[in-house]
Amino acid sequence: MQKGFQERAEGLGYKIDITSSGAIMKSLETVHDPIIKKILELLSRKATVKAKYFCAGMLDIAKYQHYSLSVPLYTHFTSPIRRYADVLVHRQLDTILQAGGERE
């Protein structure tokens, strides 16, 4: 998918480095035309892989990372009002933080 984005950008006359999300951002920073930059930003978002959600410990985490943040581990929270699973995780984290990291 990223290759298609790179080819579209080249068709508009811009060379985009797709080796990492950081490289894409640096490439986009060199685009000075605000309209072209916005178009390329939109195209880059459409070219990203859809998120894969899974429970920690169920899969090999070395195979997954947050592409845009370029970090190996990432916990995502949405509004607790909408997602009960997030409420549970918030409660567990709060319990751990309130205990000062002591194991029971």
N, C-alpha and C. Protein backbone atom coordinates (compact mmCIF):
# COMPACT_ATOMS: atom_id res chain seq x y z
N MET A 1 0.81 -1.19 0.00
CA MET A 1 0.00 0.00 0.00
C MET A 1 0.86 1.26 0.00
N GLN A 2 1.95 1.25 0.77
CA GLN A 2 2.81 2.42 0.83
C GLN A 2 3.48 2.68 -0.53
N LYS A 3 3.76 1.61 -1.24
CA LYS A 3 4.40 1.76 -2.56
C LYS A 3 3.47 2.52 -3.50
N GLY A 4 2.17 2.24 -3.44
CA GLY A 4 1.20 2.95 -4.26
C GLY A 4 1.17 4.43 -3.92
N PHE A 5 1.26 4.74 -2.62
CA PHE A 5 1.32 6.13 -2.17
C PHE A 5 2.56 6.81 -2.72
N GLN A 6 3.68 6.12 -2.64
CA GLN A 6 4.94 6.68 -3.13
C GLN A 6 4.86 6.97 -4.64
N GLU A 7 4.26 6.06 -5.38
CA GLU A 7 4.12 6.25 -6.83
C GLU A 7 3.19 7.42 -7.15
N ARG A 8 2.10 7.57 -6.40
CA ARG A 8 1.20 8.71 -6.63
C ARG A 8 1.91 10.03 -6.33
N ALA A 9 2.70 10.04 -5.25
CA ALA A 9 3.44 11.25 -4.90
C ALA A 9 4.44 11.59 -6.00
N GLU A 10 5.12 10.59 -6.52
CA GLU A 10 6.08 10.82 -7.61
C GLU A 10 5.37 11.34 -8.85
N GLY A 11 4.13 10.88 -9.07
CA GLY A 11 3.33 11.38 -10.18
C GLY A 11 3.01 12.86 -10.05
N LEU A 12 2.98 13.33 -8.80
CA LEU A 12 2.76 14.76 -8.55
C LEU A 12 4.07 15.54 -8.50
N GLY A 13 5.19 14.81 -8.66
CA GLY A 13 6.50 15.46 -8.69
C GLY A 13 7.22 15.51 -7.35
N TYR A 14 6.83 14.65 -6.40
CA TYR A 14 7.45 14.65 -5.08
C TYR A 14 7.99 13.27 -4.75
N LYS A 15 9.23 13.24 -4.24
CA LYS A 15 9.86 11.99 -3.84
C LYS A 15 9.59 11.79 -2.35
N ILE A 16 8.96 10.69 -2.01
CA ILE A 16 8.61 10.39 -0.63
C ILE A 16 9.36 9.13 -0.19
N ASP A 17 10.07 9.24 0.94
CA ASP A 17 10.78 8.11 1.52
C ASP A 17 9.77 7.34 2.39
N ILE A 18 9.49 6.09 2.03
CA ILE A 18 8.49 5.30 2.75
C ILE A 18 9.12 4.24 3.66
N THR A 19 10.39 4.41 4.00
CA THR A 19 11.07 3.40 4.82
C THR A 19 10.54 3.35 6.25
N SER A 20 9.93 4.43 6.73
CA SER A 20 9.34 4.45 8.07
C SER A 20 8.34 5.60 8.13
N SER A 21 7.53 5.60 9.18
CA SER A 21 6.57 6.70 9.33
C SER A 21 7.29 8.02 9.53
N GLY A 22 8.42 7.99 10.25
CA GLY A 22 9.20 9.20 10.45
C GLY A 22 9.76 9.74 9.14
N ALA A 23 10.21 8.82 8.28
CA ALA A 23 10.74 9.22 6.98
C ALA A 23 9.65 9.84 6.11
N ILE A 24 8.44 9.29 6.18
CA ILE A 24 7.33 9.87 5.43
C ILE A 24 7.05 11.28 5.92
N MET A 25 7.02 11.46 7.23
CA MET A 25 6.76 12.79 7.80
C MET A 25 7.83 13.79 7.38
N LYS A 26 9.09 13.37 7.40
CA LYS A 26 10.17 14.27 6.97
C LYS A 26 10.03 14.63 5.51
N SER A 27 9.63 13.65 4.69
CA SER A 27 9.42 13.93 3.27
C SER A 27 8.28 14.93 3.08
N LEU A 28 7.21 14.76 3.83
CA LEU A 28 6.07 15.67 3.71
C LEU A 28 6.41 17.08 4.17
N GLU A 29 7.35 17.20 5.11
CA GLU A 29 7.77 18.53 5.58
C GLU A 29 8.47 19.33 4.49
N THR A 30 8.97 18.65 3.47
CA THR A 30 9.66 19.36 2.39
C THR A 30 8.69 19.91 1.34
N VAL A 31 7.42 19.53 1.43
CA VAL A 31 6.41 20.01 0.47
C VAL A 31 5.91 21.37 0.95
N HIS A 32 6.12 22.39 0.14
CA HIS A 32 5.76 23.75 0.55
C HIS A 32 4.39 24.20 0.07
N ASP A 33 3.88 23.59 -0.98
CA ASP A 33 2.55 23.93 -1.49
C ASP A 33 1.52 23.33 -0.52
N PRO A 34 0.72 24.16 0.18
CA PRO A 34 -0.20 23.64 1.18
C PRO A 34 -1.28 22.72 0.63
N ILE A 35 -1.71 22.95 -0.59
CA ILE A 35 -2.74 22.09 -1.18
C ILE A 35 -2.17 20.71 -1.51
N ILE A 36 -1.00 20.69 -2.14
CA ILE A 36 -0.34 19.42 -2.47
C ILE A 36 0.00 18.67 -1.18
N LYS A 37 0.49 19.41 -0.18
CA LYS A 37 0.85 18.77 1.09
C LYS A 37 -0.38 18.10 1.71
N LYS A 38 -1.51 18.77 1.71
CA LYS A 38 -2.74 18.20 2.27
C LYS A 38 -3.16 16.96 1.49
N ILE A 39 -3.07 17.02 0.16
CA ILE A 39 -3.40 15.86 -0.68
C ILE A 39 -2.49 14.67 -0.33
N LEU A 40 -1.19 14.94 -0.22
CA LEU A 40 -0.25 13.86 0.10
C LEU A 40 -0.51 13.30 1.50
N GLU A 41 -0.85 14.16 2.45
CA GLU A 41 -1.16 13.67 3.81
C GLU A 41 -2.38 12.76 3.78
N LEU A 42 -3.40 13.15 3.03
CA LEU A 42 -4.59 12.32 2.91
C LEU A 42 -4.28 10.98 2.24
N LEU A 43 -3.49 11.03 1.17
CA LEU A 43 -3.10 9.80 0.49
C LEU A 43 -2.27 8.89 1.40
N SER A 44 -1.41 9.49 2.23
CA SER A 44 -0.59 8.67 3.11
C SER A 44 -1.45 7.96 4.16
N ARG A 45 -2.49 8.61 4.64
CA ARG A 45 -3.38 7.98 5.62
C ARG A 45 -4.16 6.83 4.99
N LYS A 46 -4.58 7.02 3.76
CA LYS A 46 -5.33 5.96 3.09
C LYS A 46 -4.45 4.75 2.80
N ALA A 47 -3.14 4.97 2.71
CA ALA A 47 -2.22 3.89 2.38
C ALA A 47 -1.78 3.08 3.60
N THR A 48 -2.13 3.51 4.79
CA THR A 48 -1.67 2.79 5.98
C THR A 48 -2.49 1.53 6.20
N VAL A 49 -1.89 0.60 6.87
CA VAL A 49 -2.54 -0.68 7.17
C VAL A 49 -3.55 -0.46 8.29
N LYS A 50 -4.69 -1.13 8.19
CA LYS A 50 -5.70 -1.02 9.24
C LYS A 50 -5.15 -1.60 10.54
N ALA A 51 -5.60 -1.03 11.64
CA ALA A 51 -5.13 -1.45 12.96
C ALA A 51 -5.53 -2.89 13.25
N LYS A 52 -4.68 -3.57 14.00
CA LYS A 52 -4.97 -4.91 14.47
C LYS A 52 -4.98 -4.86 16.00
N TYR A 53 -6.10 -5.22 16.57
CA TYR A 53 -6.24 -5.19 18.02
C TYR A 53 -6.13 -6.61 18.57
N PHE A 54 -5.39 -6.75 19.66
CA PHE A 54 -5.25 -8.06 20.28
C PHE A 54 -4.90 -7.86 21.74
N CYS A 55 -5.10 -8.92 22.51
CA CYS A 55 -4.80 -8.89 23.94
C CYS A 55 -3.32 -9.19 24.15
N ALA A 56 -2.70 -8.46 25.04
CA ALA A 56 -1.30 -8.69 25.35
C ALA A 56 -1.12 -10.13 25.83
N GLY A 57 -0.06 -10.76 25.39
CA GLY A 57 0.23 -12.12 25.80
C GLY A 57 -0.33 -13.17 24.87
N MET A 58 -1.20 -12.76 23.93
CA MET A 58 -1.81 -13.73 23.02
C MET A 58 -1.00 -13.91 21.74
N LEU A 59 -0.21 -12.91 21.38
CA LEU A 59 0.56 -12.95 20.14
C LEU A 59 1.99 -12.54 20.41
N ASP A 60 2.86 -12.81 19.48
CA ASP A 60 4.26 -12.39 19.57
C ASP A 60 4.32 -10.88 19.32
N ILE A 61 4.56 -10.09 20.37
CA ILE A 61 4.53 -8.63 20.23
C ILE A 61 5.66 -8.09 19.38
N ALA A 62 6.69 -8.90 19.15
CA ALA A 62 7.80 -8.44 18.31
C ALA A 62 7.35 -8.22 16.87
N LYS A 63 6.23 -8.83 16.48
CA LYS A 63 5.74 -8.70 15.11
C LYS A 63 4.84 -7.47 14.93
N TYR A 64 4.48 -6.81 16.02
CA TYR A 64 3.54 -5.70 15.93
C TYR A 64 4.12 -4.46 16.59
N GLN A 65 3.84 -3.32 16.01
CA GLN A 65 4.21 -2.05 16.62
C GLN A 65 3.25 -1.00 16.11
N HIS A 66 3.23 0.15 16.75
CA HIS A 66 2.38 1.24 16.28
C HIS A 66 3.15 1.95 15.18
N TYR A 67 2.69 1.81 13.94
CA TYR A 67 3.44 2.33 12.79
C TYR A 67 3.66 3.83 12.87
N SER A 68 2.62 4.57 13.16
CA SER A 68 2.74 6.03 13.15
C SER A 68 3.62 6.55 14.28
N LEU A 69 3.53 5.92 15.43
CA LEU A 69 4.34 6.37 16.57
C LEU A 69 5.75 5.78 16.54
N SER A 70 5.94 4.75 15.76
CA SER A 70 7.24 4.04 15.68
C SER A 70 7.71 3.58 17.05
N VAL A 71 6.80 3.00 17.80
CA VAL A 71 7.14 2.46 19.11
C VAL A 71 6.78 0.98 19.16
N PRO A 72 7.56 0.18 19.89
CA PRO A 72 7.30 -1.26 19.93
C PRO A 72 6.07 -1.65 20.75
N LEU A 73 5.76 -0.91 21.79
CA LEU A 73 4.61 -1.22 22.65
C LEU A 73 3.72 0.00 22.74
N TYR A 74 2.43 -0.24 22.68
CA TYR A 74 1.49 0.87 22.67
C TYR A 74 0.16 0.41 23.23
N THR A 75 -0.40 1.17 24.15
CA THR A 75 -1.71 0.89 24.69
C THR A 75 -2.64 1.99 24.25
N HIS A 76 -3.75 1.61 23.65
CA HIS A 76 -4.69 2.59 23.13
C HIS A 76 -5.94 2.62 24.00
N PHE A 77 -6.37 3.81 24.35
CA PHE A 77 -7.60 3.98 25.10
C PHE A 77 -8.56 4.87 24.33
N THR A 78 -9.80 4.47 24.32
CA THR A 78 -10.84 5.33 23.79
C THR A 78 -11.64 5.83 24.99
N SER A 79 -12.69 6.53 24.75
CA SER A 79 -13.53 7.02 25.84
C SER A 79 -14.08 5.84 26.64
N PRO A 80 -13.87 5.81 27.95
CA PRO A 80 -14.41 4.71 28.76
C PRO A 80 -15.92 4.60 28.68
N ILE A 81 -16.58 5.66 28.33
CA ILE A 81 -18.04 5.62 28.21
C ILE A 81 -18.45 4.67 27.08
N ARG A 82 -17.63 4.60 26.04
CA ARG A 82 -17.98 3.79 24.87
C ARG A 82 -17.44 2.38 24.92
N ARG A 83 -16.39 2.14 25.67
CA ARG A 83 -15.74 0.83 25.60
C ARG A 83 -15.55 0.24 26.99
N TYR A 84 -16.32 -0.79 27.33
CA TYR A 84 -16.23 -1.39 28.65
C TYR A 84 -14.85 -2.01 28.89
N ALA A 85 -14.27 -2.58 27.84
CA ALA A 85 -12.93 -3.17 28.01
C ALA A 85 -11.93 -2.13 28.47
N ASP A 86 -12.06 -0.90 27.98
CA ASP A 86 -11.16 0.17 28.40
C ASP A 86 -11.40 0.54 29.86
N VAL A 87 -12.65 0.47 30.30
CA VAL A 87 -12.95 0.75 31.71
C VAL A 87 -12.20 -0.25 32.58
N LEU A 88 -12.22 -1.51 32.20
CA LEU A 88 -11.52 -2.53 32.98
C LEU A 88 -10.02 -2.27 33.03
N VAL A 89 -9.43 -1.91 31.90
CA VAL A 89 -8.00 -1.63 31.86
C VAL A 89 -7.68 -0.40 32.70
N HIS A 90 -8.51 0.63 32.61
CA HIS A 90 -8.29 1.84 33.43
C HIS A 90 -8.32 1.47 34.92
N ARG A 91 -9.26 0.65 35.31
CA ARG A 91 -9.36 0.23 36.72
C ARG A 91 -8.13 -0.54 37.15
N GLN A 92 -7.66 -1.45 36.29
CA GLN A 92 -6.47 -2.22 36.63
C GLN A 92 -5.24 -1.33 36.76
N LEU A 93 -5.07 -0.41 35.82
CA LEU A 93 -3.93 0.51 35.90
C LEU A 93 -4.02 1.40 37.12
N ASP A 94 -5.22 1.89 37.41
CA ASP A 94 -5.40 2.75 38.58
C ASP A 94 -5.05 1.99 39.86
N THR A 95 -5.47 0.74 39.95
CA THR A 95 -5.16 -0.08 41.13
C THR A 95 -3.66 -0.25 41.29
N ILE A 96 -2.97 -0.53 40.20
CA ILE A 96 -1.52 -0.70 40.25
C ILE A 96 -0.83 0.60 40.64
N LEU A 97 -1.27 1.72 40.05
CA LEU A 97 -0.65 3.01 40.35
C LEU A 97 -0.94 3.44 41.79
N GLN A 98 -2.13 3.17 42.28
CA GLN A 98 -2.48 3.52 43.66
C GLN A 98 -1.67 2.70 44.67
N ALA A 99 -1.33 1.48 44.28
CA ALA A 99 -0.54 0.62 45.16
C ALA A 99 0.93 0.98 45.15
N GLY A 100 1.31 1.91 44.30
CA GLY A 100 2.72 2.33 44.22
C GLY A 100 3.61 1.30 43.58
N GLY A 101 3.04 0.42 42.78
CA GLY A 101 3.84 -0.57 42.08
C GLY A 101 4.21 -1.76 42.94
N GLU A 102 3.68 -1.83 44.17
CA GLU A 102 3.97 -2.98 45.05
C GLU A 102 3.13 -4.16 44.61
N ARG A 103 3.76 -5.33 44.62
CA ARG A 103 3.02 -6.56 44.27
C ARG A 103 2.37 -7.11 45.53
N GLU A 104 1.18 -7.63 45.33
CA GLU A 104 0.46 -8.21 46.47
C GLU A 104 0.62 -9.70 46.50
